[in-house]
Amino acid sequence: MNRNKLLPSLVCGFGAAVLTTVPGVKNFACCLIVPVAAVISISLDHKINRSEFPIKAKQAILFGIMTGVFAALFSTFFDALTTYLVHSNDFIEALPQTEDFIKQYKLDYLLNQTMTIFNQMASDIRANGFSAFYSFGILMSNLFVDIIFGMIGGLAGMSFFNKRTTKI
């Protein structure tokens, strides 16, 4: 993939990541923002490179994957940066409720192991503003979800643009 092919995914992934840092909007990040960013990425590519229609599924999936990867990388970076600056995040705030929820299932060994890891992550964040394990977990989660929804957005964009060009 050359630079002109990568740039629309980079720009749209960055834009999606910025929107995921806005409270309230971040709830729609995976299922709305990332697919729309993939559609816009395909549109930008066709405007920049004056590509021919119809868009192939392989190309749409590739743009969806790349947009999802960039969105995940940037959103993880922004999350880690915000956590570093304020030494807190949603994970820290939800930890007591998570512990109460897990205790309801009476899985003592699993609870102890899980809560040990969670509490270590929380203490690292409170003390240093950073937890490598937390950041790695968020990155893996973001990559998985954003790539899947990016591919869905890429295929939806392909369908939209291909139908639109056949009617003209």
C-alpha atoms as a PDB file:
ATOM      1  CA  MET A   1       0.000   0.000   0.000  1.00  0.00           C
ATOM      2  CA  ASN A   2       1.596   3.264  -1.051  1.00  0.00           C
ATOM      3  CA  ARG A   3       1.547   6.503   0.927  1.00  0.00           C
ATOM      4  CA  ASN A   4      -1.446   7.973  -0.926  1.00  0.00           C
ATOM      5  CA  LYS A   5      -3.442   4.845  -0.116  1.00  0.00           C
ATOM      6  CA  LEU A   6      -2.475   4.967   3.561  1.00  0.00           C
ATOM      7  CA  LEU A   7      -3.133   8.662   4.179  1.00  0.00           C
ATOM      8  CA  PRO A   8      -6.977   8.589   4.125  1.00  0.00           C
ATOM      9  CA  SER A   9      -7.019   5.739   6.657  1.00  0.00           C
ATOM     10  CA  LEU A  10      -4.521   7.568   8.859  1.00  0.00           C
ATOM     11  CA  VAL A  11      -6.486  10.812   8.814  1.00  0.00           C
ATOM     12  CA  CYS A  12      -9.850   9.144   9.390  1.00  0.00           C
ATOM     13  CA  GLY A  13      -8.444   6.860  12.092  1.00  0.00           C
ATOM     14  CA  PHE A  14      -7.002   9.884  13.875  1.00  0.00           C
ATOM     15  CA  GLY A  15     -10.326  11.719  13.601  1.00  0.00           C
ATOM     16  CA  ALA A  16     -12.201   8.727  14.989  1.00  0.00           C
ATOM     17  CA  ALA A  17      -9.737   8.482  17.882  1.00  0.00           C
ATOM     18  CA  VAL A  18     -10.164  12.161  18.718  1.00  0.00           C
ATOM     19  CA  LEU A  19     -13.929  11.715  18.814  1.00  0.00           C
ATOM     20  CA  THR A  20     -13.579   8.723  21.145  1.00  0.00           C
ATOM     21  CA  THR A  21     -11.997  10.943  23.798  1.00  0.00           C
ATOM     22  CA  VAL A  22     -15.128  13.094  24.068  1.00  0.00           C
ATOM     23  CA  PRO A  23     -17.240  11.969  27.043  1.00  0.00           C
ATOM     24  CA  GLY A  24     -20.622  10.691  25.934  1.00  0.00           C
ATOM     25  CA  VAL A  25     -19.478  10.289  22.335  1.00  0.00           C
ATOM     26  CA  LYS A  26     -17.025   7.531  23.287  1.00  0.00           C
ATOM     27  CA  ASN A  27     -19.986   5.201  23.876  1.00  0.00           C
ATOM     28  CA  PHE A  28     -20.599   5.193  20.116  1.00  0.00           C
ATOM     29  CA  ALA A  29     -16.937   4.791  19.138  1.00  0.00           C
ATOM     30  CA  CYS A  30     -16.951   1.162  18.085  1.00  0.00           C
ATOM     31  CA  CYS A  31     -20.315   0.802  16.439  1.00  0.00           C
ATOM     32  CA  LEU A  32     -20.754   4.200  14.794  1.00  0.00           C
ATOM     33  CA  ILE A  33     -17.641   6.377  14.662  1.00  0.00           C
ATOM     34  CA  VAL A  34     -15.166   3.788  13.334  1.00  0.00           C
ATOM     35  CA  PRO A  35     -17.459   2.480  10.545  1.00  0.00           C
ATOM     36  CA  VAL A  36     -18.249   6.038   9.437  1.00  0.00           C
ATOM     37  CA  ALA A  37     -14.517   6.819   9.465  1.00  0.00           C
ATOM     38  CA  ALA A  38     -13.911   3.798   7.203  1.00  0.00           C
ATOM     39  CA  VAL A  39     -16.579   5.014   4.768  1.00  0.00           C
ATOM     40  CA  ILE A  40     -15.031   8.492   4.724  1.00  0.00           C
ATOM     41  CA  SER A  41     -11.610   6.906   4.220  1.00  0.00           C
ATOM     42  CA  ILE A  42     -12.808   5.151   1.076  1.00  0.00           C
ATOM     43  CA  SER A  43     -14.385   8.364  -0.164  1.00  0.00           C
ATOM     44  CA  LEU A  44     -11.193  10.348   0.435  1.00  0.00           C
ATOM     45  CA  ASP A  45      -9.122   7.717  -1.342  1.00  0.00           C
ATOM     46  CA  HIS A  46     -11.316   7.935  -4.418  1.00  0.00           C
ATOM     47  CA  LYS A  47     -11.167  11.722  -4.410  1.00  0.00           C
ATOM     48  CA  ILE A  48      -7.378  11.825  -3.959  1.00  0.00           C
ATOM     49  CA  ASN A  49      -6.413   9.060  -6.368  1.00  0.00           C
ATOM     50  CA  ARG A  50      -9.330   9.393  -8.810  1.00  0.00           C
ATOM     51  CA  SER A  51      -9.823   5.641  -8.607  1.00  0.00           C
ATOM     52  CA  GLU A  52     -12.320   3.835 -10.747  1.00  0.00           C
ATOM     53  CA  PHE A  53     -15.585   2.390  -9.556  1.00  0.00           C
ATOM     54  CA  PRO A  54     -16.787  -0.189  -8.622  1.00  0.00           C
ATOM     55  CA  ILE A  55     -14.874  -0.570  -5.389  1.00  0.00           C
ATOM     56  CA  LYS A  56     -13.662  -4.108  -4.796  1.00  0.00           C
ATOM     57  CA  ALA A  57     -14.412  -5.910  -1.526  1.00  0.00           C
ATOM     58  CA  LYS A  58     -10.698  -6.498  -0.921  1.00  0.00           C
ATOM     59  CA  GLN A  59     -10.023  -2.781  -1.143  1.00  0.00           C
ATOM     60  CA  ALA A  60     -12.963  -1.904   1.128  1.00  0.00           C
ATOM     61  CA  ILE A  61     -11.891  -4.435   3.754  1.00  0.00           C
ATOM     62  CA  LEU A  62      -8.298  -3.169   3.595  1.00  0.00           C
ATOM     63  CA  PHE A  63      -9.411   0.427   4.155  1.00  0.00           C
ATOM     64  CA  GLY A  64     -11.628  -0.716   7.023  1.00  0.00           C
ATOM     65  CA  ILE A  65      -8.779  -2.621   8.653  1.00  0.00           C
ATOM     66  CA  MET A  66      -6.303   0.233   8.285  1.00  0.00           C
ATOM     67  CA  THR A  67      -8.785   2.801   9.596  1.00  0.00           C
ATOM     68  CA  GLY A  68      -9.548   0.512  12.543  1.00  0.00           C
ATOM     69  CA  VAL A  69      -5.849  -0.007  13.306  1.00  0.00           C
ATOM     70  CA  PHE A  70      -5.103   3.714  13.256  1.00  0.00           C
ATOM     71  CA  ALA A  71      -8.195   4.504  15.327  1.00  0.00           C
ATOM     72  CA  ALA A  72      -7.166   1.891  17.906  1.00  0.00           C
ATOM     73  CA  LEU A  73      -3.563   3.088  18.096  1.00  0.00           C
ATOM     74  CA  PHE A  74      -4.469   6.743  18.443  1.00  0.00           C
ATOM     75  CA  SER A  75      -7.339   6.186  20.875  1.00  0.00           C
ATOM     76  CA  THR A  76      -5.084   4.028  23.080  1.00  0.00           C
ATOM     77  CA  PHE A  77      -2.449   6.755  22.994  1.00  0.00           C
ATOM     78  CA  PHE A  78      -4.999   9.427  23.931  1.00  0.00           C
ATOM     79  CA  ASP A  79      -6.391   7.234  26.715  1.00  0.00           C
ATOM     80  CA  ALA A  80      -2.901   6.599  28.110  1.00  0.00           C
ATOM     81  CA  LEU A  81      -2.029  10.297  27.860  1.00  0.00           C
ATOM     82  CA  THR A  82      -5.203  11.390  29.633  1.00  0.00           C
ATOM     83  CA  THR A  83      -4.690   8.749  32.313  1.00  0.00           C
ATOM     84  CA  TYR A  84      -1.101   9.890  32.788  1.00  0.00           C
ATOM     85  CA  LEU A  85      -2.161  13.514  33.201  1.00  0.00           C
ATOM     86  CA  VAL A  86      -5.029  12.968  35.660  1.00  0.00           C
ATOM     87  CA  HIS A  87      -3.871   9.690  37.335  1.00  0.00           C
ATOM     88  CA  SER A  88      -7.397   8.308  36.994  1.00  0.00           C
ATOM     89  CA  ASN A  89      -9.763   6.963  34.378  1.00  0.00           C
ATOM     90  CA  ASP A  90     -13.034   5.060  33.953  1.00  0.00           C
ATOM     91  CA  PHE A  91     -11.345   1.823  35.020  1.00  0.00           C
ATOM     92  CA  ILE A  92     -10.376   3.281  38.404  1.00  0.00           C
ATOM     93  CA  GLU A  93     -13.876   4.665  38.934  1.00  0.00           C
ATOM     94  CA  ALA A  94     -15.589   1.373  38.064  1.00  0.00           C
ATOM     95  CA  LEU A  95     -13.260  -0.926  40.008  1.00  0.00           C
ATOM     96  CA  PRO A  96     -15.339  -1.089  43.238  1.00  0.00           C
ATOM     97  CA  GLN A  97     -18.508  -1.942  41.306  1.00  0.00           C
ATOM     98  CA  THR A  98     -16.598  -4.546  39.307  1.00  0.00           C
ATOM     99  CA  GLU A  99     -15.393  -6.201  42.480  1.00  0.00           C
ATOM    100  CA  ASP A 100     -18.929  -6.299  43.917  1.00  0.00           C
ATOM    101  CA  PHE A 101     -20.252  -7.770  40.675  1.00  0.00           C
ATOM    102  CA  ILE A 102     -17.610 -10.514  40.587  1.00  0.00           C
ATOM    103  CA  LYS A 103     -18.232 -11.381  44.263  1.00  0.00           C
ATOM    104  CA  GLN A 104     -21.863 -12.217  43.438  1.00  0.00           C
ATOM    105  CA  TYR A 105     -20.718 -15.297  41.520  1.00  0.00           C
ATOM    106  CA  LYS A 106     -18.697 -16.719  44.438  1.00  0.00           C
ATOM    107  CA  LEU A 107     -15.662 -17.630  42.382  1.00  0.00           C
ATOM    108  CA  ASP A 108     -13.155 -17.098  45.183  1.00  0.00           C
ATOM    109  CA  TYR A 109      -9.951 -18.217  43.470  1.00  0.00           C
ATOM    110  CA  LEU A 110     -10.774 -16.472  40.210  1.00  0.00           C
ATOM    111  CA  LEU A 111     -11.923 -13.391  42.097  1.00  0.00           C
ATOM    112  CA  ASN A 112      -8.710 -13.184  44.095  1.00  0.00           C
ATOM    113  CA  GLN A 113      -6.499 -13.537  41.029  1.00  0.00           C
ATOM    114  CA  THR A 114      -8.524 -11.087  38.974  1.00  0.00           C
ATOM    115  CA  MET A 115      -8.800  -8.507  41.711  1.00  0.00           C
ATOM    116  CA  THR A 116      -5.069  -8.765  42.432  1.00  0.00           C
ATOM    117  CA  ILE A 117      -4.317  -7.874  38.823  1.00  0.00           C
ATOM    118  CA  PHE A 118      -6.978  -5.133  38.724  1.00  0.00           C
ATOM    119  CA  ASN A 119      -5.794  -3.604  41.995  1.00  0.00           C
ATOM    120  CA  GLN A 120      -2.172  -3.635  40.810  1.00  0.00           C
ATOM    121  CA  MET A 121      -3.199  -1.839  37.626  1.00  0.00           C
ATOM    122  CA  ALA A 122      -5.201   0.684  39.659  1.00  0.00           C
ATOM    123  CA  SER A 123      -2.339   1.334  42.079  1.00  0.00           C
ATOM    124  CA  ASP A 124       0.091   1.804  39.159  1.00  0.00           C
ATOM    125  CA  ILE A 125      -2.274   4.322  37.587  1.00  0.00           C
ATOM    126  CA  ARG A 126      -2.827   6.206  40.837  1.00  0.00           C
ATOM    127  CA  ALA A 127       0.902   6.320  41.644  1.00  0.00           C
ATOM    128  CA  ASN A 128       2.482   6.814  38.218  1.00  0.00           C
ATOM    129  CA  GLY A 129      -0.405   7.662  35.916  1.00  0.00           C
ATOM    130  CA  PHE A 130       0.492   4.667  33.778  1.00  0.00           C
ATOM    131  CA  SER A 131       0.029   0.915  33.835  1.00  0.00           C
ATOM    132  CA  ALA A 132       1.646  -1.089  31.054  1.00  0.00           C
ATOM    133  CA  PHE A 133      -0.745  -4.004  31.556  1.00  0.00           C
ATOM    134  CA  TYR A 134      -3.777  -1.692  31.426  1.00  0.00           C
ATOM    135  CA  SER A 135      -2.475   0.042  28.283  1.00  0.00           C
ATOM    136  CA  PHE A 136      -1.755  -3.292  26.614  1.00  0.00           C
ATOM    137  CA  GLY A 137      -5.230  -4.567  27.474  1.00  0.00           C
ATOM    138  CA  ILE A 138      -6.873  -1.426  26.130  1.00  0.00           C
ATOM    139  CA  LEU A 139      -4.789  -1.605  22.946  1.00  0.00           C
ATOM    140  CA  MET A 140      -5.752  -5.239  22.310  1.00  0.00           C
ATOM    141  CA  SER A 141      -9.399  -4.517  23.002  1.00  0.00           C
ATOM    142  CA  ASN A 142      -9.394  -1.444  20.759  1.00  0.00           C
ATOM    143  CA  LEU A 143      -7.619  -3.281  17.950  1.00  0.00           C
ATOM    144  CA  PHE A 144     -10.051  -6.186  18.025  1.00  0.00           C
ATOM    145  CA  VAL A 145     -13.202  -4.077  18.117  1.00  0.00           C
ATOM    146  CA  ASP A 146     -12.072  -1.256  15.814  1.00  0.00           C
ATOM    147  CA  ILE A 147     -10.777  -3.600  13.119  1.00  0.00           C
ATOM    148  CA  ILE A 148     -14.015  -5.576  13.040  1.00  0.00           C
ATOM    149  CA  PHE A 149     -16.209  -2.480  12.897  1.00  0.00           C
ATOM    150  CA  GLY A 150     -13.798  -0.840  10.443  1.00  0.00           C
ATOM    151  CA  MET A 151     -14.223  -3.779   8.073  1.00  0.00           C
ATOM    152  CA  ILE A 152     -17.990  -3.555   8.448  1.00  0.00           C
ATOM    153  CA  GLY A 153     -17.803   0.172   7.667  1.00  0.00           C
ATOM    154  CA  GLY A 154     -15.557  -0.478   4.679  1.00  0.00           C
ATOM    155  CA  LEU A 155     -17.987  -3.009   3.230  1.00  0.00           C
ATOM    156  CA  ALA A 156     -20.942  -0.701   3.906  1.00  0.00           C
ATOM    157  CA  GLY A 157     -19.070   2.117   2.165  1.00  0.00           C
ATOM    158  CA  MET A 158     -18.298  -0.138  -0.777  1.00  0.00           C
ATOM    159  CA  SER A 159     -21.965  -1.046  -1.093  1.00  0.00           C
ATOM    160  CA  PHE A 160     -23.055   2.595  -0.799  1.00  0.00           C
ATOM    161  CA  PHE A 161     -20.596   3.968  -3.350  1.00  0.00           C
ATOM    162  CA  ASN A 162     -21.061   1.110  -5.815  1.00  0.00           C
ATOM    163  CA  LYS A 163     -24.865   1.499  -5.746  1.00  0.00           C
ATOM    164  CA  ARG A 164     -24.542   5.258  -6.116  1.00  0.00           C
ATOM    165  CA  THR A 165     -22.277   5.034  -9.157  1.00  0.00           C
ATOM    166  CA  THR A 166     -24.423   2.461 -10.975  1.00  0.00           C
ATOM    167  CA  LYS A 167     -27.493   4.735 -10.751  1.00  0.00           C
ATOM    168  CA  ILE A 168     -25.691   7.674 -12.405  1.00  0.00           C
END
